[in-house]
C-alpha atoms as a PDB file:
ATOM      1  CA  MET A   1     -65.490-128.024  82.356  1.00  0.00           C
ATOM      2  CA  SER A   2     -61.987-126.894  82.919  1.00  0.00           C
ATOM      3  CA  PHE A   3     -62.044-123.527  82.520  1.00  0.00           C
ATOM      4  CA  LEU A   4     -64.465-123.198  85.061  1.00  0.00           C
ATOM      5  CA  THR A   5     -63.064-125.499  87.600  1.00  0.00           C
ATOM      6  CA  ARG A   6     -59.287-124.859  87.124  1.00  0.00           C
ATOM      7  CA  ILE A   7     -58.558-121.558  85.136  1.00  0.00           C
ATOM      8  CA  LEU A   8     -61.678-118.851  86.463  1.00  0.00           C
ATOM      9  CA  PRO A   9     -60.490-119.339  89.753  1.00  0.00           C
ATOM     10  CA  SER A  10     -56.931-118.984  89.220  1.00  0.00           C
ATOM     11  CA  PHE A  11     -58.233-115.809  86.883  1.00  0.00           C
ATOM     12  CA  LEU A  12     -60.039-114.160  89.617  1.00  0.00           C
ATOM     13  CA  VAL A  13     -57.469-114.741  92.538  1.00  0.00           C
ATOM     14  CA  SER A  14     -54.964-112.943  90.367  1.00  0.00           C
ATOM     15  CA  TRP A  15     -57.073-110.138  89.388  1.00  0.00           C
ATOM     16  CA  LEU A  16     -57.906-109.854  92.692  1.00  0.00           C
ATOM     17  CA  PHE A  17     -54.301-109.398  94.040  1.00  0.00           C
ATOM     18  CA  THR A  18     -53.325-107.108  91.172  1.00  0.00           C
ATOM     19  CA  PHE A  19     -56.344-104.987  92.055  1.00  0.00           C
ATOM     20  CA  THR A  20     -55.601-104.581  95.730  1.00  0.00           C
ATOM     21  CA  LEU A  21     -51.929-104.004  95.036  1.00  0.00           C
ATOM     22  CA  ALA A  22     -52.654-101.332  92.153  1.00  0.00           C
ATOM     23  CA  SER A  23     -55.318 -99.739  94.581  1.00  0.00           C
ATOM     24  CA  LEU A  24     -53.278 -99.961  97.339  1.00  0.00           C
ATOM     25  CA  PHE A  25     -50.174 -98.249  95.256  1.00  0.00           C
ATOM     26  CA  HIS A  26     -52.598 -95.705  93.670  1.00  0.00           C
ATOM     27  CA  SER A  27     -53.687 -94.892  97.425  1.00  0.00           C
ATOM     28  CA  GLN A  28     -50.285 -94.102  98.970  1.00  0.00           C
ATOM     29  CA  TYR A  29     -49.047 -92.461  96.078  1.00  0.00           C
ATOM     30  CA  VAL A  30     -51.994 -89.968  96.223  1.00  0.00           C
ATOM     31  CA  VAL A  31     -51.268 -89.413 100.347  1.00  0.00           C
ATOM     32  CA  ASN A  32     -47.541 -89.324  99.971  1.00  0.00           C
ATOM     33  CA  GLN A  33     -47.873 -86.551  97.616  1.00  0.00           C
ATOM     34  CA  LEU A  34     -50.229 -84.711 100.307  1.00  0.00           C
ATOM     35  CA  VAL A  35     -47.251 -85.301 102.660  1.00  0.00           C
ATOM     36  CA  ASN A  36     -44.941 -83.728 100.283  1.00  0.00           C
ATOM     37  CA  VAL A  37     -47.316 -80.685 100.506  1.00  0.00           C
ATOM     38  CA  GLY A  38     -46.868 -80.121 104.339  1.00  0.00           C
ATOM     39  CA  VAL A  39     -50.282 -82.252 104.806  1.00  0.00           C
ATOM     40  CA  VAL A  40     -50.279 -83.879 108.262  1.00  0.00           C
ATOM     41  CA  VAL A  41     -52.136 -87.623 107.561  1.00  0.00           C
ATOM     42  CA  SER A  42     -51.829 -90.221 110.520  1.00  0.00           C
ATOM     43  CA  PHE A  43     -52.226 -93.795 110.091  1.00  0.00           C
ATOM     44  CA  SER A  44     -55.870 -94.251 110.580  1.00  0.00           C
ATOM     45  CA  ASP A  45     -55.847 -91.802 107.858  1.00  0.00           C
ATOM     46  CA  ARG A  46     -53.551 -93.760 105.213  1.00  0.00           C
ATOM     47  CA  VAL A  47     -56.221 -96.917 106.201  1.00  0.00           C
ATOM     48  CA  SER A  48     -59.053 -95.462 105.692  1.00  0.00           C
ATOM     49  CA  LEU A  49     -58.144 -93.902 102.451  1.00  0.00           C
ATOM     50  CA  THR A  50     -56.833 -97.204 101.283  1.00  0.00           C
ATOM     51  CA  LEU A  51     -60.038 -98.528 101.943  1.00  0.00           C
ATOM     52  CA  ASP A  52     -61.880 -95.966 100.495  1.00  0.00           C
ATOM     53  CA  ASP A  53     -60.076 -96.131  97.436  1.00  0.00           C
ATOM     54  CA  TRP A  54     -60.226-100.037  97.244  1.00  0.00           C
ATOM     55  CA  LEU A  55     -64.067-100.117  97.220  1.00  0.00           C
ATOM     56  CA  GLY A  56     -64.126 -96.629  94.954  1.00  0.00           C
ATOM     57  CA  LEU A  57     -61.986 -97.973  92.363  1.00  0.00           C
ATOM     58  CA  LEU A  58     -63.141-101.385  92.650  1.00  0.00           C
ATOM     59  CA  PRO A  59     -66.650-101.371  89.837  1.00  0.00           C
ATOM     60  CA  THR A  60     -64.209 -99.119  87.061  1.00  0.00           C
ATOM     61  CA  TYR A  61     -60.935 -99.370  87.632  1.00  0.00           C
ATOM     62  CA  GLY A  62     -61.591-103.207  88.713  1.00  0.00           C
ATOM     63  CA  ALA A  63     -63.117-103.860  85.756  1.00  0.00           C
ATOM     64  CA  ILE A  64     -60.373-102.843  83.279  1.00  0.00           C
ATOM     65  CA  ILE A  65     -57.596-104.365  84.929  1.00  0.00           C
ATOM     66  CA  ALA A  66     -59.910-107.428  84.877  1.00  0.00           C
ATOM     67  CA  ILE A  67     -60.521-107.173  80.880  1.00  0.00           C
ATOM     68  CA  ALA A  68     -56.851-105.929  80.532  1.00  0.00           C
ATOM     69  CA  LEU A  69     -55.526-109.064  82.353  1.00  0.00           C
ATOM     70  CA  ALA A  70     -57.778-111.112  80.792  1.00  0.00           C
ATOM     71  CA  ILE A  71     -56.830-110.226  77.340  1.00  0.00           C
ATOM     72  CA  ALA A  72     -52.871-110.042  78.083  1.00  0.00           C
ATOM     73  CA  PHE A  73     -53.233-113.685  79.795  1.00  0.00           C
ATOM     74  CA  LEU A  74     -54.948-114.987  76.827  1.00  0.00           C
ATOM     75  CA  VAL A  75     -52.269-114.029  74.391  1.00  0.00           C
ATOM     76  CA  THR A  76     -50.118-115.238  76.655  1.00  0.00           C
ATOM     77  CA  VAL A  77     -51.081-118.494  76.562  1.00  0.00           C
ATOM     78  CA  GLN A  78     -51.341-118.386  72.828  1.00  0.00           C
ATOM     79  CA  LEU A  79     -47.641-117.576  73.079  1.00  0.00           C
ATOM     80  CA  ASN A  80     -47.041-120.323  75.869  1.00  0.00           C
ATOM     81  CA  LYS A  81     -47.424-122.610  73.630  1.00  0.00           C
ATOM     82  CA  LYS A  82     -44.743-122.018  71.405  1.00  0.00           C
ATOM     83  CA  VAL A  83     -42.238-121.049  74.021  1.00  0.00           C
ATOM     84  CA  LYS A  84     -42.950-123.322  77.013  1.00  0.00           C
ATOM     85  CA  LYS A  85     -39.004-122.705  78.707  1.00  0.00           C
ATOM     86  CA  TYR A  86     -40.265-118.611  79.840  1.00  0.00           C
ATOM     87  CA  ARG A  87     -43.803-119.385  80.966  1.00  0.00           C
ATOM     88  CA  THR A  88     -43.454-117.244  84.448  1.00  0.00           C
ATOM     89  CA  GLN A  89     -41.480-114.545  82.675  1.00  0.00           C
ATOM     90  CA  LEU A  90     -44.222-114.301  79.862  1.00  0.00           C
ATOM     91  CA  PHE A  91     -47.216-114.089  82.322  1.00  0.00           C
ATOM     92  CA  VAL A  92     -45.398-111.413  84.129  1.00  0.00           C
ATOM     93  CA  ILE A  93     -44.359-109.172  80.763  1.00  0.00           C
ATOM     94  CA  ALA A  94     -48.158-109.683  79.928  1.00  0.00           C
ATOM     95  CA  GLY A  95     -49.148-108.282  83.425  1.00  0.00           C
ATOM     96  CA  ILE A  96     -46.682-105.191  82.597  1.00  0.00           C
ATOM     97  CA  VAL A  97     -47.596-104.689  79.405  1.00  0.00           C
ATOM     98  CA  ALA A  98     -51.851-104.575  80.270  1.00  0.00           C
ATOM     99  CA  PHE A  99     -51.336-101.966  82.635  1.00  0.00           C
ATOM    100  CA  ALA A 100     -48.614 -99.820  80.297  1.00  0.00           C
ATOM    101  CA  MET A 101     -51.165-100.409  77.579  1.00  0.00           C
ATOM    102  CA  VAL A 102     -54.248 -98.936  79.987  1.00  0.00           C
ATOM    103  CA  LEU A 103     -52.456 -96.390  81.479  1.00  0.00           C
ATOM    104  CA  ILE A 104     -51.352 -95.223  78.272  1.00  0.00           C
ATOM    105  CA  ALA A 105     -54.385 -95.800  76.483  1.00  0.00           C
ATOM    106  CA  ILE A 106     -56.888 -93.642  78.797  1.00  0.00           C
ATOM    107  CA  GLU A 107     -54.299 -90.795  79.068  1.00  0.00           C
ATOM    108  CA  SER A 108     -53.479 -90.611  75.402  1.00  0.00           C
ATOM    109  CA  ILE A 109     -57.909 -90.874  74.802  1.00  0.00           C
ATOM    110  CA  MET A 110     -58.345 -88.864  77.941  1.00  0.00           C
ATOM    111  CA  ASN A 111     -55.552 -86.490  78.179  1.00  0.00           C
ATOM    112  CA  ILE A 112     -55.816 -86.872  81.967  1.00  0.00           C
ATOM    113  CA  HIS A 113     -54.294 -89.381  84.517  1.00  0.00           C
ATOM    114  CA  ILE A 114     -57.375 -90.733  85.579  1.00  0.00           C
ATOM    115  CA  ILE A 115     -55.538 -92.849  88.081  1.00  0.00           C
ATOM    116  CA  ALA A 116     -53.788 -90.021  90.418  1.00  0.00           C
ATOM    117  CA  GLY A 117     -51.596 -92.745  91.577  1.00  0.00           C
ATOM    118  CA  ALA A 118     -50.212 -93.377  88.064  1.00  0.00           C
ATOM    119  CA  ARG A 119     -48.041 -90.064  87.740  1.00  0.00           C
ATOM    120  CA  GLY A 120     -44.399 -90.391  88.119  1.00  0.00           C
ATOM    121  CA  TRP A 121     -43.262 -92.860  89.824  1.00  0.00           C
ATOM    122  CA  GLY A 122     -47.201 -94.069  90.565  1.00  0.00           C
ATOM    123  CA  PHE A 123     -46.660 -95.706  86.726  1.00  0.00           C
ATOM    124  CA  TYR A 124     -44.107 -97.952  87.615  1.00  0.00           C
ATOM    125  CA  ALA A 125     -45.669 -99.168  90.407  1.00  0.00           C
ATOM    126  CA  GLN A 126     -48.869 -99.758  88.598  1.00  0.00           C
ATOM    127  CA  LEU A 127     -46.800-101.768  86.343  1.00  0.00           C
ATOM    128  CA  LEU A 128     -45.105-103.712  89.477  1.00  0.00           C
ATOM    129  CA  ALA A 129     -48.624-104.523  90.544  1.00  0.00           C
ATOM    130  CA  GLY A 130     -49.232-106.425  86.967  1.00  0.00           C
ATOM    131  CA  ALA A 131     -45.871-108.046  87.005  1.00  0.00           C
ATOM    132  CA  ALA A 132     -47.087-109.404  90.614  1.00  0.00           C
ATOM    133  CA  GLY A 133     -50.748-110.141  89.120  1.00  0.00           C
ATOM    134  CA  GLY A 134     -48.714-111.951  85.800  1.00  0.00           C
ATOM    135  CA  TYR A 135     -46.522-114.176  88.293  1.00  0.00           C
ATOM    136  CA  VAL A 136     -49.477-115.307  90.425  1.00  0.00           C
ATOM    137  CA  PHE A 137     -51.409-116.396  87.721  1.00  0.00           C
ATOM    138  CA  SER A 138     -48.210-118.302  86.430  1.00  0.00           C
ATOM    139  CA  ARG A 139     -47.950-120.145  89.267  1.00  0.00           C
ATOM    140  CA  LEU A 140     -51.611-120.521  90.240  1.00  0.00           C
ATOM    141  CA  THR A 141     -51.988-122.646  86.362  1.00  0.00           C
ATOM    142  CA  LYS A 142     -49.103-123.884  86.388  1.00  0.00           C
ATOM    143  CA  THR A 143     -49.659-127.594  86.920  1.00  0.00           C
ATOM    144  CA  ASN A 144     -52.984-126.755  84.551  1.00  0.00           C
ATOM    145  CA  ILE A 145     -52.756-127.430  80.813  1.00  0.00           C
ATOM    146  CA  ILE A 146     -52.689-124.070  79.594  1.00  0.00           C
END
């Protein structure tokens, strides 16, 4: 019962935060690339594109992120039992590794960047979203026994 009342809500909040950041970073990277080639993008178009991307990416990229974070956090919980001193750092690293593995695996398997916002500096922005998600999960579960 502890899982359903403590861990799952914390995971869902951290996943939603992580996915929202990743989607936002993706959208703004794509818009920035358009601006770099001379396309004029208004603020309202940026907002509209960002919301459309969030909704469009949720069923696929959102699910992939949820699975990757779940695996990374489960491994980190086990590792944290042995190395308790660096709890927050371990979850931050887990978020980064989860995103790196997903993005590299997708590119290696499909030989394309399925997430356009994960090219160039966008790749590092996606890793930052993973780090933020790991940090949020660590803070939300700090009082829980995991």
